[in-house]
Amino acid sequence: MNCKTVTGMAMAMVLTAGQATAFGAVIHEHIGDENPVNEGFTMSSTGGVAAGEAVAVTVDGVDAWRIRKTSTTAGTRTYNAPLTEEQRSEAFAEGFIIRANVRVHGNNNNLTGSPTVDFIATTGQRYAISFGNNTADNNKVIVSVNGTNYDTGLSDAVFALYELKYNPVTEDANLYINGDLALSDLAPTTLMGFNRFHFGLNSSGAAGAGDFNLVQFEIIPEPASIALLGLGSLLLMRRKRLA
């Protein structure tokens, strides 16, 4: 059993790979300093990933998998995991969360070649969080979600928890950073491809680095399902008391 400490400014817990959260089912996840290939992801690279690395690191006591490219020449590295058509359909019907606890550094004010976490569907929707650093403001972290930019004001020296939550009723998403709402009513971009969830450095012409402590794609049960789960737990507790 693989347990890793997951730490962020608003998050400190221990997760077991493959477990469900209190709210939904985690379909794919990376935890701590484990090589994502050992967690079911397939590594894809182009251009020899010029002047780069993918290694286990510990930063201020936090375990993470570092993906870094110091050259601006061609080269990408991503970790990919497929979703079935049934999972894609369920995600859009019930809702999903793209979650990343990550430290972003060395990205030279670039948002197109920086660390990225995204979900692409065969129906043409893409939901993505891209990260960069603002060199004009002490390398503080900036993010872009589906083309909408946001200056987080966070230092590049810290881990932060980013959660992109899709609402199937409004058919858009909100971005939360360390539990606080940062961006709302975000529509997807259009990109045709197969159903997949992936993270890494996604541009061939930019330098960048991300220390990924946690990456998850989670499908959220509809409210009725959550209510039934709660009722089942109450009935089980009542039976135990009567026994």
Protein backbone atom coordinates (compact mmCIF):
# COMPACT_ATOMS: atom_id res chain seq x y z
CA MET A 1 0.00 0.00 0.00
CA ASN A 2 1.43 3.35 -1.07
CA CYS A 3 0.78 6.22 1.35
CA LYS A 4 2.19 9.68 0.83
CA THR A 5 1.90 12.88 2.82
CA VAL A 6 0.01 15.53 0.87
CA THR A 7 0.70 19.06 2.05
CA GLY A 8 -0.52 22.50 0.96
CA MET A 9 -1.31 25.84 2.56
CA ALA A 10 -4.88 24.65 3.04
CA MET A 11 -4.36 20.89 2.88
CA ALA A 12 -2.51 18.42 5.08
CA MET A 13 -3.51 14.77 5.00
CA VAL A 14 -2.41 11.28 4.09
CA LEU A 15 -3.97 9.65 1.04
CA THR A 16 -3.84 6.06 -0.12
CA ALA A 17 -3.46 5.62 -3.86
CA GLY A 18 -6.77 4.71 -5.50
CA GLN A 19 -9.05 5.63 -2.61
CA ALA A 20 -12.32 7.54 -2.88
CA THR A 21 -12.60 10.90 -1.19
CA ALA A 22 -15.49 11.93 1.05
CA PHE A 23 -17.26 13.37 -1.98
CA GLY A 24 -16.53 11.25 -5.03
CA ALA A 25 -14.44 8.67 -6.84
CA VAL A 26 -10.83 9.41 -7.79
CA ILE A 27 -10.30 8.03 -11.31
CA HIS A 28 -6.61 8.92 -11.72
CA GLU A 29 -4.09 10.28 -9.23
CA HIS A 30 -0.45 10.97 -8.57
CA ILE A 31 0.72 11.23 -4.96
CA GLY A 32 4.01 12.46 -3.47
CA ASP A 33 7.36 11.53 -5.00
CA GLU A 34 6.16 8.35 -6.72
CA ASN A 35 7.05 8.01 -10.41
CA PRO A 36 3.70 8.56 -12.19
CA VAL A 37 4.48 5.63 -14.49
CA ASN A 38 4.14 3.39 -11.44
CA GLU A 39 0.69 4.89 -10.78
CA GLY A 40 -0.79 3.99 -14.16
CA PHE A 41 0.25 7.05 -16.19
CA THR A 42 2.08 6.76 -19.51
CA MET A 43 4.99 9.14 -20.00
CA SER A 44 5.16 10.95 -23.33
CA SER A 45 8.07 13.14 -24.44
CA THR A 46 9.19 14.95 -27.58
CA GLY A 47 12.45 16.48 -28.68
CA GLY A 48 14.47 14.58 -26.10
CA VAL A 49 13.08 16.88 -23.38
CA ALA A 50 16.02 19.24 -23.84
CA ALA A 51 18.01 20.04 -20.68
CA GLY A 52 15.32 18.63 -18.45
CA GLU A 53 14.60 16.12 -15.73
CA ALA A 54 11.82 14.18 -14.04
CA VAL A 55 12.87 13.16 -10.54
CA ALA A 56 11.61 12.58 -7.01
CA VAL A 57 12.27 15.53 -4.70
CA THR A 58 11.52 16.65 -1.16
CA VAL A 59 11.03 20.41 -0.70
CA ASP A 60 10.59 21.74 2.84
CA GLY A 61 9.44 18.30 3.95
CA VAL A 62 6.97 17.85 1.08
CA ASP A 63 7.45 14.90 -1.29
CA ALA A 64 6.85 15.64 -4.96
CA TRP A 65 7.63 14.55 -8.52
CA ARG A 66 9.58 17.33 -10.26
CA ILE A 67 9.18 17.89 -13.99
CA ARG A 68 11.62 20.50 -15.26
CA LYS A 69 12.95 21.82 -18.55
CA THR A 70 15.60 24.55 -18.43
CA SER A 71 15.98 24.93 -22.19
CA THR A 72 13.62 26.87 -24.45
CA THR A 73 14.35 24.53 -27.35
CA ALA A 74 11.88 21.86 -28.40
CA GLY A 75 10.95 19.28 -25.81
CA THR A 76 7.87 18.24 -23.81
CA ARG A 77 7.14 15.76 -21.03
CA THR A 78 3.64 14.76 -19.97
CA TYR A 79 2.06 11.92 -18.00
CA ASN A 80 -1.18 10.66 -19.54
CA ALA A 81 -4.04 8.45 -18.33
CA PRO A 82 -7.08 7.48 -20.42
CA LEU A 83 -10.74 7.70 -19.45
CA THR A 84 -13.38 5.37 -20.80
CA GLU A 85 -16.34 6.77 -22.70
CA GLU A 86 -18.50 5.81 -19.71
CA GLN A 87 -16.24 7.80 -17.35
CA ARG A 88 -16.31 10.81 -19.69
CA SER A 89 -20.09 10.72 -19.84
CA GLU A 90 -20.38 10.35 -16.06
CA ALA A 91 -17.95 13.22 -15.45
CA PHE A 92 -20.01 15.67 -17.50
CA ALA A 93 -23.32 14.36 -16.14
CA GLU A 94 -22.38 14.45 -12.44
CA GLY A 95 -19.43 16.86 -12.22
CA PHE A 96 -15.69 16.52 -11.79
CA ILE A 97 -12.70 18.08 -10.06
CA ILE A 98 -9.21 18.56 -11.50
CA ARG A 99 -6.95 18.89 -8.46
CA ALA A 100 -3.24 19.71 -8.17
CA ASN A 101 -1.05 20.50 -5.18
CA VAL A 102 1.99 21.94 -6.90
CA ARG A 103 4.95 24.28 -6.53
CA VAL A 104 5.56 26.30 -9.71
CA HIS A 105 8.99 27.80 -10.40
CA GLY A 106 11.39 28.81 -13.19
CA ASN A 107 8.70 29.49 -15.79
CA ASN A 108 9.91 32.89 -16.98
CA ASN A 109 6.54 34.64 -17.26
CA ASN A 110 5.31 31.96 -19.67
CA LEU A 111 1.84 30.42 -19.54
CA THR A 112 1.85 28.42 -22.75
CA GLY A 113 4.86 26.29 -21.97
CA SER A 114 4.48 26.00 -18.25
CA PRO A 115 3.29 23.11 -16.10
CA THR A 116 -0.23 22.08 -17.07
CA VAL A 117 -2.95 19.81 -15.70
CA ASP A 118 -5.85 19.10 -18.04
CA PHE A 119 -8.78 16.94 -19.12
CA ILE A 120 -9.60 16.47 -22.80
CA ALA A 121 -12.81 14.81 -24.04
CA THR A 122 -13.74 13.19 -27.34
CA THR A 123 -16.69 15.58 -27.50
CA GLY A 124 -14.29 18.51 -27.97
CA GLN A 125 -14.10 20.07 -24.50
CA ARG A 126 -10.82 20.83 -22.76
CA TYR A 127 -10.48 22.01 -19.16
CA ALA A 128 -6.93 22.97 -18.26
CA ILE A 129 -4.93 24.79 -15.58
CA SER A 130 -1.63 26.20 -16.79
CA PHE A 131 0.92 27.71 -14.41
CA GLY A 132 3.61 30.35 -14.81
CA ASN A 133 5.72 32.87 -12.90
CA ASN A 134 5.55 36.65 -13.13
CA THR A 135 9.17 37.80 -13.49
CA ALA A 136 8.05 41.43 -13.04
CA ASP A 137 6.67 40.61 -9.57
CA ASN A 138 9.28 38.47 -7.77
CA ASN A 139 8.32 35.35 -9.77
CA LYS A 140 4.91 35.12 -8.11
CA VAL A 141 2.63 32.44 -9.51
CA ILE A 142 0.16 33.18 -12.29
CA VAL A 143 -2.38 30.72 -13.67
CA SER A 144 -4.43 30.44 -16.81
CA VAL A 145 -7.65 28.43 -16.98
CA ASN A 146 -9.11 27.93 -20.44
CA GLY A 147 -7.55 31.23 -21.55
CA THR A 148 -8.51 33.30 -18.47
CA ASN A 149 -5.45 34.53 -16.56
CA TYR A 150 -5.20 35.14 -12.81
CA ASP A 151 -2.38 36.54 -10.66
CA THR A 152 -2.38 34.43 -7.49
CA GLY A 153 0.06 36.59 -5.52
CA LEU A 154 1.65 33.37 -4.25
CA SER A 155 5.41 32.91 -3.92
CA ASP A 156 7.15 30.45 -6.23
CA ALA A 157 8.68 28.90 -3.09
CA VAL A 158 5.44 27.38 -1.77
CA PHE A 159 3.07 24.56 -2.65
CA ALA A 160 -0.56 25.53 -3.27
CA LEU A 161 -3.72 23.54 -3.86
CA TYR A 162 -5.57 24.28 -7.11
CA GLU A 163 -9.02 22.78 -7.75
CA LEU A 164 -11.01 23.23 -10.96
CA LYS A 165 -14.60 22.15 -10.24
CA TYR A 166 -17.04 21.49 -13.09
CA ASN A 167 -20.75 22.08 -12.46
CA PRO A 168 -22.99 19.96 -14.74
CA VAL A 169 -26.00 22.22 -14.13
CA THR A 170 -24.34 25.44 -15.34
CA GLU A 171 -21.91 23.56 -17.64
CA ASP A 172 -18.94 25.65 -16.55
CA ALA A 173 -16.20 25.49 -13.92
CA ASN A 174 -14.82 27.45 -10.97
CA LEU A 175 -11.20 27.60 -9.85
CA TYR A 176 -10.37 27.42 -6.14
CA ILE A 177 -6.89 28.13 -4.75
CA ASN A 178 -6.22 26.84 -1.24
CA GLY A 179 -9.99 26.55 -0.79
CA ASP A 180 -10.82 30.12 -1.86
CA LEU A 181 -12.74 30.97 -5.04
CA ALA A 182 -10.40 32.62 -7.57
CA LEU A 183 -12.18 32.39 -10.96
CA SER A 184 -15.78 31.51 -11.79
CA ASP A 185 -18.02 30.63 -14.76
CA LEU A 186 -15.17 29.26 -16.86
CA ALA A 187 -16.16 27.77 -20.20
CA PRO A 188 -14.03 25.06 -21.84
CA THR A 189 -11.77 25.57 -24.81
CA THR A 190 -12.30 23.45 -27.89
CA LEU A 191 -9.85 20.65 -28.58
CA MET A 192 -10.69 17.36 -30.23
CA GLY A 193 -8.91 14.27 -28.94
CA PHE A 194 -9.35 11.05 -27.08
CA ASN A 195 -10.62 11.00 -23.49
CA ARG A 196 -7.60 11.62 -21.27
CA PHE A 197 -6.30 13.29 -18.15
CA HIS A 198 -2.70 14.44 -18.10
CA PHE A 199 -0.14 16.68 -16.43
CA GLY A 200 3.40 17.86 -17.13
CA LEU A 201 5.20 20.38 -19.32
CA ASN A 202 3.06 20.79 -22.38
CA SER A 203 4.89 23.20 -24.70
CA SER A 204 7.85 22.54 -26.95
CA GLY A 205 9.32 26.06 -26.88
CA ALA A 206 9.52 27.18 -23.25
CA ALA A 207 11.35 26.43 -20.03
CA GLY A 208 9.45 25.57 -16.89
CA ALA A 209 9.24 23.49 -13.73
CA GLY A 210 6.58 22.05 -11.49
CA ASP A 211 6.90 20.01 -8.29
CA PHE A 212 3.73 17.89 -8.26
CA ASN A 213 2.80 16.68 -4.78
CA LEU A 214 -0.76 15.68 -5.72
CA VAL A 215 -2.65 15.39 -9.00
CA GLN A 216 -6.19 13.98 -9.20
CA PHE A 217 -9.15 13.62 -11.51
CA GLU A 218 -12.27 12.99 -9.45
CA ILE A 219 -15.87 12.38 -10.52
CA ILE A 220 -18.39 13.82 -8.06
CA PRO A 221 -21.59 11.85 -7.35
CA GLU A 222 -24.85 13.69 -7.89
CA PRO A 223 -26.49 15.07 -4.70
CA ALA A 224 -29.06 12.25 -4.64
CA SER A 225 -26.28 9.66 -4.62
CA ILE A 226 -24.51 11.46 -1.76
CA ALA A 227 -27.77 11.54 0.20
CA LEU A 228 -28.25 7.81 -0.31
CA LEU A 229 -24.69 7.12 0.83
CA GLY A 230 -25.31 9.16 3.96
CA LEU A 231 -28.59 7.36 4.64
CA GLY A 232 -26.87 4.01 4.22
CA SER A 233 -24.21 4.97 6.76
CA LEU A 234 -26.86 6.09 9.27
CA LEU A 235 -28.77 2.83 8.86
CA LEU A 236 -25.59 0.81 9.35
CA MET A 237 -24.74 2.73 12.53
CA ARG A 238 -28.29 2.22 13.84
CA ARG A 239 -28.10 -1.53 13.22
CA LYS A 240 -24.81 -1.73 15.10
CA ARG A 241 -26.32 0.07 18.06
CA LEU A 242 -29.35 -2.23 18.10
CA ALA A 243 -27.08 -5.28 17.89
